[in-house]
Amino acid sequence: MVDVHHRGIDLADGVSAPGARVAVQGVADLAMGLAAAGSGALSGVIVGQAGYGALAAAAAVPSCGISLVAVLGKAAPPGQT
């Protein structure tokens, strides 16, 4: 079996009680599922109204922002200036 969770990224890592860990992971999974459903519905509306070019432009804005933050964040590791 392949472990898809990376150490330090799993939301439930900081929860020590086994029952609470399951609840926290369940809420995280629900939030991810709802975000995916909302994104799928919104992308259908965008494509239907404005076409694939508009969908690509709408996706490029947050993607470029996230990429920029990731690149700038690697420039100075935490604790080092």
C-alpha atoms as a PDB file:
ATOM      1  CA  MET A   1       0.000   0.000   0.000  1.00  0.00           C
ATOM      2  CA  VAL A   2       1.286   3.471  -0.894  1.00  0.00           C
ATOM      3  CA  ASP A   3       1.164   6.115   1.830  1.00  0.00           C
ATOM      4  CA  VAL A   4      -0.190   9.278   0.225  1.00  0.00           C
ATOM      5  CA  HIS A   5       0.114  11.430   3.352  1.00  0.00           C
ATOM      6  CA  HIS A   6       3.420  13.203   3.877  1.00  0.00           C
ATOM      7  CA  ARG A   7       4.698  13.826   7.383  1.00  0.00           C
ATOM      8  CA  GLY A   8       3.813  17.292   8.607  1.00  0.00           C
ATOM      9  CA  ILE A   9       1.133  17.912   5.989  1.00  0.00           C
ATOM     10  CA  ASP A  10      -1.675  15.787   7.396  1.00  0.00           C
ATOM     11  CA  LEU A  11      -4.141  18.040   9.256  1.00  0.00           C
ATOM     12  CA  ALA A  12      -4.778  15.403  11.918  1.00  0.00           C
ATOM     13  CA  ASP A  13      -1.077  14.967  12.821  1.00  0.00           C
ATOM     14  CA  GLY A  14      -1.320  17.298  15.815  1.00  0.00           C
ATOM     15  CA  VAL A  15      -4.308  15.473  17.328  1.00  0.00           C
ATOM     16  CA  SER A  16      -3.338  12.926  19.966  1.00  0.00           C
ATOM     17  CA  ALA A  17      -6.679  11.309  20.865  1.00  0.00           C
ATOM     18  CA  PRO A  18      -7.538   8.535  18.363  1.00  0.00           C
ATOM     19  CA  GLY A  19     -11.254   9.407  18.246  1.00  0.00           C
ATOM     20  CA  ALA A  20     -10.541  13.095  17.768  1.00  0.00           C
ATOM     21  CA  ARG A  21      -8.037  12.329  15.014  1.00  0.00           C
ATOM     22  CA  VAL A  22     -10.702  10.480  13.033  1.00  0.00           C
ATOM     23  CA  ALA A  23     -13.145  13.373  13.491  1.00  0.00           C
ATOM     24  CA  VAL A  24     -10.590  15.972  12.396  1.00  0.00           C
ATOM     25  CA  GLN A  25      -9.637  13.931   9.332  1.00  0.00           C
ATOM     26  CA  GLY A  26     -13.337  13.473   8.505  1.00  0.00           C
ATOM     27  CA  VAL A  27     -13.956  17.213   8.618  1.00  0.00           C
ATOM     28  CA  ALA A  28     -10.881  17.824   6.451  1.00  0.00           C
ATOM     29  CA  ASP A  29     -12.077  15.236   3.916  1.00  0.00           C
ATOM     30  CA  LEU A  30     -15.578  16.768   3.883  1.00  0.00           C
ATOM     31  CA  ALA A  31     -14.154  20.249   3.292  1.00  0.00           C
ATOM     32  CA  MET A  32     -12.010  18.959   0.436  1.00  0.00           C
ATOM     33  CA  GLY A  33     -14.986  17.191  -1.134  1.00  0.00           C
ATOM     34  CA  LEU A  34     -17.197  20.269  -0.872  1.00  0.00           C
ATOM     35  CA  ALA A  35     -14.470  22.444  -2.386  1.00  0.00           C
ATOM     36  CA  ALA A  36     -14.105  20.007  -5.286  1.00  0.00           C
ATOM     37  CA  ALA A  37     -17.871  19.912  -5.859  1.00  0.00           C
ATOM     38  CA  GLY A  38     -18.119  23.702  -5.791  1.00  0.00           C
ATOM     39  CA  SER A  39     -15.170  24.081  -8.140  1.00  0.00           C
ATOM     40  CA  GLY A  40     -16.649  21.572 -10.577  1.00  0.00           C
ATOM     41  CA  ALA A  41     -20.000  23.334 -10.601  1.00  0.00           C
ATOM     42  CA  LEU A  42     -18.438  26.778 -11.000  1.00  0.00           C
ATOM     43  CA  SER A  43     -16.158  25.641 -13.807  1.00  0.00           C
ATOM     44  CA  GLY A  44     -19.190  24.285 -15.673  1.00  0.00           C
ATOM     45  CA  VAL A  45     -20.920  27.655 -15.408  1.00  0.00           C
ATOM     46  CA  ILE A  46     -17.803  29.520 -16.569  1.00  0.00           C
ATOM     47  CA  VAL A  47     -17.303  27.235 -19.582  1.00  0.00           C
ATOM     48  CA  GLY A  48     -21.002  27.413 -20.444  1.00  0.00           C
ATOM     49  CA  GLN A  49     -21.111  31.206 -20.306  1.00  0.00           C
ATOM     50  CA  ALA A  50     -17.669  32.330 -21.438  1.00  0.00           C
ATOM     51  CA  GLY A  51     -15.787  29.329 -22.869  1.00  0.00           C
ATOM     52  CA  TYR A  52     -12.602  27.446 -22.072  1.00  0.00           C
ATOM     53  CA  GLY A  53     -10.399  30.529 -22.478  1.00  0.00           C
ATOM     54  CA  ALA A  54     -12.163  32.227 -19.581  1.00  0.00           C
ATOM     55  CA  LEU A  55     -11.847  29.068 -17.487  1.00  0.00           C
ATOM     56  CA  ALA A  56      -8.118  28.932 -18.198  1.00  0.00           C
ATOM     57  CA  ALA A  57      -7.736  32.621 -17.282  1.00  0.00           C
ATOM     58  CA  ALA A  58      -9.753  32.138 -14.087  1.00  0.00           C
ATOM     59  CA  ALA A  59      -7.531  29.193 -13.113  1.00  0.00           C
ATOM     60  CA  ALA A  60      -4.304  31.012 -14.015  1.00  0.00           C
ATOM     61  CA  VAL A  61      -4.790  33.820 -11.498  1.00  0.00           C
ATOM     62  CA  PRO A  62      -4.730  31.741  -8.283  1.00  0.00           C
ATOM     63  CA  SER A  63      -2.219  29.299  -9.791  1.00  0.00           C
ATOM     64  CA  CYS A  64       0.247  32.078 -10.517  1.00  0.00           C
ATOM     65  CA  GLY A  65      -0.319  33.549  -7.067  1.00  0.00           C
ATOM     66  CA  ILE A  66       0.332  30.230  -5.337  1.00  0.00           C
ATOM     67  CA  SER A  67       3.421  29.640  -7.475  1.00  0.00           C
ATOM     68  CA  LEU A  68       4.756  33.093  -6.645  1.00  0.00           C
ATOM     69  CA  VAL A  69       4.243  32.548  -2.914  1.00  0.00           C
ATOM     70  CA  ALA A  70       5.960  29.145  -3.140  1.00  0.00           C
ATOM     71  CA  VAL A  71       8.968  30.589  -4.981  1.00  0.00           C
ATOM     72  CA  LEU A  72       9.291  33.584  -2.666  1.00  0.00           C
ATOM     73  CA  GLY A  73       8.832  31.370   0.387  1.00  0.00           C
ATOM     74  CA  LYS A  74      11.814  29.236  -0.632  1.00  0.00           C
ATOM     75  CA  ALA A  75      14.027  32.289  -0.929  1.00  0.00           C
ATOM     76  CA  ALA A  76      14.378  32.639   2.852  1.00  0.00           C
ATOM     77  CA  PRO A  77      13.841  29.503   4.951  1.00  0.00           C
ATOM     78  CA  PRO A  78      12.183  30.052   8.352  1.00  0.00           C
ATOM     79  CA  GLY A  79      14.599  31.377  10.929  1.00  0.00           C
ATOM     80  CA  GLN A  80      17.173  32.449   8.326  1.00  0.00           C
ATOM     81  CA  THR A  81      17.302  35.980   6.994  1.00  0.00           C
END
